[in-house]
Amino acid sequence: MSVKRNTVQRQIILGILKEFTSHPSVDTLYAAISEKHPTISKATVYRNLHHLSEEGAIAQMAVFDDVSRYDGRADVHYHFACKKCNEIFDLEIDCIKGIDEMVQASYGVKVDKHEILFSGVCKKCCNTKHFYA
C-alpha cells in the first residue's frame, strides 16, 4: 500500500476546494488556486484531486457532460443539480437512514457508500410563480 504524503500543495488545494459551495470543475478550481498560488500547475491539481478522492477526503462527481465536479465535504449528504444553469448545491436534509442496509439485504451486495443526486431546475432558473402552475 502506498502512503500519500500530505504536501503543502495538497493542503492548499483542499483548503481552496472547501471554500466552494458550488462544487467546481477542475478548471474553476484551478483558476481559483492559480490566483493565490500561481506556481501550482494544473497537473498537480489533477493529481491531488485524484488522490484526495481515492482517500475519501473529497467527493468527485460527474454530473453534466461527464465533466468532473468536486465536493470538499466528505460527510454523507445529497445534492441538487440544475439542468439549466448547471449549478450543483448541497441539500441540507436528513440522510435516508438504513438505505445501505436495505440495498445490501435486497441485492446481496456490500455497500461502501451511496450518492443521491436530485436534478431539475433551481429556484434562480424558475419562472417565478408561473413555473409550477
C-alpha atoms as a PDB file:
ATOM      1  CA  MET A   1       0.000   0.000   0.000  1.00  0.00           C
ATOM      2  CA  SER A   2       1.430   3.350  -0.986  1.00  0.00           C
ATOM      3  CA  VAL A   3       1.451   6.182   1.513  1.00  0.00           C
ATOM      4  CA  LYS A   4       0.189   9.517   0.212  1.00  0.00           C
ATOM      5  CA  ARG A   5       2.115  12.488   1.509  1.00  0.00           C
ATOM      6  CA  ASN A   6       0.183  15.414   2.884  1.00  0.00           C
ATOM      7  CA  THR A   7       2.047  18.018   0.865  1.00  0.00           C
ATOM      8  CA  VAL A   8       1.696  21.772   1.081  1.00  0.00           C
ATOM      9  CA  GLN A   9       0.127  21.725  -2.401  1.00  0.00           C
ATOM     10  CA  ARG A  10      -2.461  19.155  -1.267  1.00  0.00           C
ATOM     11  CA  GLN A  11      -3.328  21.278   1.771  1.00  0.00           C
ATOM     12  CA  ILE A  12      -3.714  24.364  -0.440  1.00  0.00           C
ATOM     13  CA  ILE A  13      -5.911  22.535  -2.975  1.00  0.00           C
ATOM     14  CA  LEU A  14      -8.111  21.021  -0.264  1.00  0.00           C
ATOM     15  CA  GLY A  15      -8.383  24.345   1.559  1.00  0.00           C
ATOM     16  CA  ILE A  16      -9.499  26.245  -1.532  1.00  0.00           C
ATOM     17  CA  LEU A  17     -11.901  23.473  -2.561  1.00  0.00           C
ATOM     18  CA  LYS A  18     -13.552  23.656   0.871  1.00  0.00           C
ATOM     19  CA  GLU A  19     -14.189  27.376   0.288  1.00  0.00           C
ATOM     20  CA  PHE A  20     -16.523  26.498  -2.601  1.00  0.00           C
ATOM     21  CA  THR A  21     -20.185  25.653  -2.117  1.00  0.00           C
ATOM     22  CA  SER A  22     -20.777  25.295  -5.861  1.00  0.00           C
ATOM     23  CA  HIS A  23     -18.892  22.028  -6.468  1.00  0.00           C
ATOM     24  CA  PRO A  24     -16.379  23.368  -9.011  1.00  0.00           C
ATOM     25  CA  SER A  25     -14.907  21.686 -12.061  1.00  0.00           C
ATOM     26  CA  VAL A  26     -11.136  21.267 -12.137  1.00  0.00           C
ATOM     27  CA  ASP A  27     -10.857  24.325 -14.413  1.00  0.00           C
ATOM     28  CA  THR A  28     -12.800  26.524 -11.988  1.00  0.00           C
ATOM     29  CA  LEU A  29     -10.837  25.205  -9.033  1.00  0.00           C
ATOM     30  CA  TYR A  30      -7.513  25.623 -10.824  1.00  0.00           C
ATOM     31  CA  ALA A  31      -8.385  29.246 -11.690  1.00  0.00           C
ATOM     32  CA  ALA A  32      -9.060  29.989  -8.017  1.00  0.00           C
ATOM     33  CA  ILE A  33      -5.872  28.229  -6.918  1.00  0.00           C
ATOM     34  CA  SER A  34      -3.659  29.919  -9.520  1.00  0.00           C
ATOM     35  CA  GLU A  35      -4.859  33.372  -8.387  1.00  0.00           C
ATOM     36  CA  LYS A  36      -3.381  32.766  -4.936  1.00  0.00           C
ATOM     37  CA  HIS A  37      -0.665  30.238  -5.815  1.00  0.00           C
ATOM     38  CA  PRO A  38       0.485  30.712  -9.433  1.00  0.00           C
ATOM     39  CA  THR A  39       3.307  28.151  -9.106  1.00  0.00           C
ATOM     40  CA  ILE A  40       0.894  25.209  -8.650  1.00  0.00           C
ATOM     41  CA  SER A  41       0.391  23.523 -12.012  1.00  0.00           C
ATOM     42  CA  LYS A  42      -2.850  22.141 -13.373  1.00  0.00           C
ATOM     43  CA  ALA A  43      -1.262  18.668 -13.413  1.00  0.00           C
ATOM     44  CA  THR A  44      -0.587  18.993  -9.678  1.00  0.00           C
ATOM     45  CA  VAL A  45      -4.223  19.956  -9.106  1.00  0.00           C
ATOM     46  CA  TYR A  46      -5.463  16.969 -11.154  1.00  0.00           C
ATOM     47  CA  ARG A  47      -3.112  14.554  -9.392  1.00  0.00           C
ATOM     48  CA  ASN A  48      -4.019  15.757  -5.907  1.00  0.00           C
ATOM     49  CA  LEU A  49      -7.755  15.779  -6.610  1.00  0.00           C
ATOM     50  CA  HIS A  50      -7.419  12.181  -7.769  1.00  0.00           C
ATOM     51  CA  HIS A  51      -5.580  11.163  -4.578  1.00  0.00           C
ATOM     52  CA  LEU A  52      -7.926  13.099  -2.284  1.00  0.00           C
ATOM     53  CA  SER A  53     -10.902  11.457  -3.976  1.00  0.00           C
ATOM     54  CA  GLU A  54      -9.385   7.973  -3.675  1.00  0.00           C
ATOM     55  CA  GLU A  55      -8.717   8.592   0.025  1.00  0.00           C
ATOM     56  CA  GLY A  56     -12.313   9.715   0.610  1.00  0.00           C
ATOM     57  CA  ALA A  57     -11.291  13.200   1.726  1.00  0.00           C
ATOM     58  CA  ILE A  58     -13.382  14.739  -1.087  1.00  0.00           C
ATOM     59  CA  ALA A  59     -16.062  13.551  -3.491  1.00  0.00           C
ATOM     60  CA  GLN A  60     -15.768  13.523  -7.267  1.00  0.00           C
ATOM     61  CA  MET A  61     -18.996  13.732  -9.258  1.00  0.00           C
ATOM     62  CA  ALA A  62     -19.644  13.526 -12.999  1.00  0.00           C
ATOM     63  CA  VAL A  63     -22.950  15.307 -13.473  1.00  0.00           C
ATOM     64  CA  PHE A  64     -23.081  17.327 -16.692  1.00  0.00           C
ATOM     65  CA  ASP A  65     -21.429  16.215 -19.928  1.00  0.00           C
ATOM     66  CA  ASP A  66     -19.132  13.910 -17.910  1.00  0.00           C
ATOM     67  CA  VAL A  67     -17.269  16.929 -16.503  1.00  0.00           C
ATOM     68  CA  SER A  68     -15.985  16.032 -13.068  1.00  0.00           C
ATOM     69  CA  ARG A  69     -17.057  18.314 -10.267  1.00  0.00           C
ATOM     70  CA  TYR A  70     -15.536  18.231  -6.790  1.00  0.00           C
ATOM     71  CA  ASP A  71     -17.021  18.481  -3.326  1.00  0.00           C
ATOM     72  CA  GLY A  72     -14.902  19.335  -0.296  1.00  0.00           C
ATOM     73  CA  ARG A  73     -17.443  17.819   2.096  1.00  0.00           C
ATOM     74  CA  ALA A  74     -16.674  14.215   2.999  1.00  0.00           C
ATOM     75  CA  ASP A  75     -19.788  13.571   5.116  1.00  0.00           C
ATOM     76  CA  VAL A  76     -22.855  11.834   3.695  1.00  0.00           C
ATOM     77  CA  HIS A  77     -25.142  14.415   2.111  1.00  0.00           C
ATOM     78  CA  TYR A  78     -27.198  14.849  -1.020  1.00  0.00           C
ATOM     79  CA  HIS A  79     -27.056  17.226  -3.975  1.00  0.00           C
ATOM     80  CA  PHE A  80     -29.340  19.070  -6.378  1.00  0.00           C
ATOM     81  CA  ALA A  81     -28.153  19.741  -9.937  1.00  0.00           C
ATOM     82  CA  CYS A  82     -29.886  22.382 -12.066  1.00  0.00           C
ATOM     83  CA  LYS A  83     -30.334  21.344 -15.702  1.00  0.00           C
ATOM     84  CA  LYS A  84     -30.458  24.986 -16.845  1.00  0.00           C
ATOM     85  CA  CYS A  85     -27.520  26.712 -15.143  1.00  0.00           C
ATOM     86  CA  ASN A  86     -25.510  23.550 -14.234  1.00  0.00           C
ATOM     87  CA  GLU A  87     -25.189  24.662 -10.610  1.00  0.00           C
ATOM     88  CA  ILE A  88     -24.835  21.910  -8.025  1.00  0.00           C
ATOM     89  CA  PHE A  89     -25.589  22.563  -4.396  1.00  0.00           C
ATOM     90  CA  ASP A  90     -25.837  20.619  -1.163  1.00  0.00           C
ATOM     91  CA  LEU A  91     -29.232  19.709   0.203  1.00  0.00           C
ATOM     92  CA  GLU A  92     -29.430  20.093   3.948  1.00  0.00           C
ATOM     93  CA  ILE A  93     -31.869  17.245   4.533  1.00  0.00           C
ATOM     94  CA  ASP A  94     -31.657  14.218   6.768  1.00  0.00           C
ATOM     95  CA  CYS A  95     -29.906  11.317   5.132  1.00  0.00           C
ATOM     96  CA  ILE A  96     -32.061   8.335   4.315  1.00  0.00           C
ATOM     97  CA  LYS A  97     -31.479   6.069   7.279  1.00  0.00           C
ATOM     98  CA  GLY A  98     -30.979   2.394   6.576  1.00  0.00           C
ATOM     99  CA  ILE A  99     -30.680   2.759   2.811  1.00  0.00           C
ATOM    100  CA  ASP A 100     -27.285   0.996   2.679  1.00  0.00           C
ATOM    101  CA  GLU A 101     -28.615  -1.939   4.705  1.00  0.00           C
ATOM    102  CA  MET A 102     -31.780  -2.133   2.568  1.00  0.00           C
ATOM    103  CA  VAL A 103     -29.741  -2.346  -0.644  1.00  0.00           C
ATOM    104  CA  GLN A 104     -27.376  -4.904   0.879  1.00  0.00           C
ATOM    105  CA  ALA A 105     -30.253  -7.118   2.059  1.00  0.00           C
ATOM    106  CA  SER A 106     -32.198  -6.816  -1.206  1.00  0.00           C
ATOM    107  CA  TYR A 107     -29.313  -7.383  -3.627  1.00  0.00           C
ATOM    108  CA  GLY A 108     -26.687  -9.327  -1.667  1.00  0.00           C
ATOM    109  CA  VAL A 109     -24.032  -6.645  -2.142  1.00  0.00           C
ATOM    110  CA  LYS A 110     -21.713  -4.794   0.235  1.00  0.00           C
ATOM    111  CA  VAL A 111     -22.315  -1.026   0.129  1.00  0.00           C
ATOM    112  CA  ASP A 112     -19.295   1.176   0.912  1.00  0.00           C
ATOM    113  CA  LYS A 113     -21.093   4.450   0.208  1.00  0.00           C
ATOM    114  CA  HIS A 114     -24.010   5.866  -1.713  1.00  0.00           C
ATOM    115  CA  GLU A 115     -24.668   9.071  -3.611  1.00  0.00           C
ATOM    116  CA  ILE A 116     -28.056  10.581  -4.276  1.00  0.00           C
ATOM    117  CA  LEU A 117     -28.451  13.374  -6.793  1.00  0.00           C
ATOM    118  CA  PHE A 118     -31.686  15.244  -7.367  1.00  0.00           C
ATOM    119  CA  SER A 119     -31.925  17.106 -10.661  1.00  0.00           C
ATOM    120  CA  GLY A 120     -34.307  19.592 -12.156  1.00  0.00           C
ATOM    121  CA  VAL A 121     -34.453  23.385 -12.283  1.00  0.00           C
ATOM    122  CA  CYS A 122     -33.203  25.545  -9.409  1.00  0.00           C
ATOM    123  CA  LYS A 123     -35.039  28.482  -7.818  1.00  0.00           C
ATOM    124  CA  LYS A 124     -32.963  31.046  -9.732  1.00  0.00           C
ATOM    125  CA  CYS A 125     -33.862  29.496 -13.083  1.00  0.00           C
ATOM    126  CA  CYS A 126     -37.555  29.024 -12.334  1.00  0.00           C
ATOM    127  CA  ASN A 127     -40.021  31.446 -13.861  1.00  0.00           C
ATOM    128  CA  THR A 128     -41.338  32.830 -10.519  1.00  0.00           C
ATOM    129  CA  LYS A 129     -44.828  31.604  -9.526  1.00  0.00           C
ATOM    130  CA  HIS A 130     -45.833  30.531 -13.071  1.00  0.00           C
ATOM    131  CA  PHE A 131     -43.137  27.858 -13.281  1.00  0.00           C
ATOM    132  CA  TYR A 132     -45.023  25.301 -11.160  1.00  0.00           C
ATOM    133  CA  ALA A 133     -48.537  26.133 -12.352  1.00  0.00           C
END
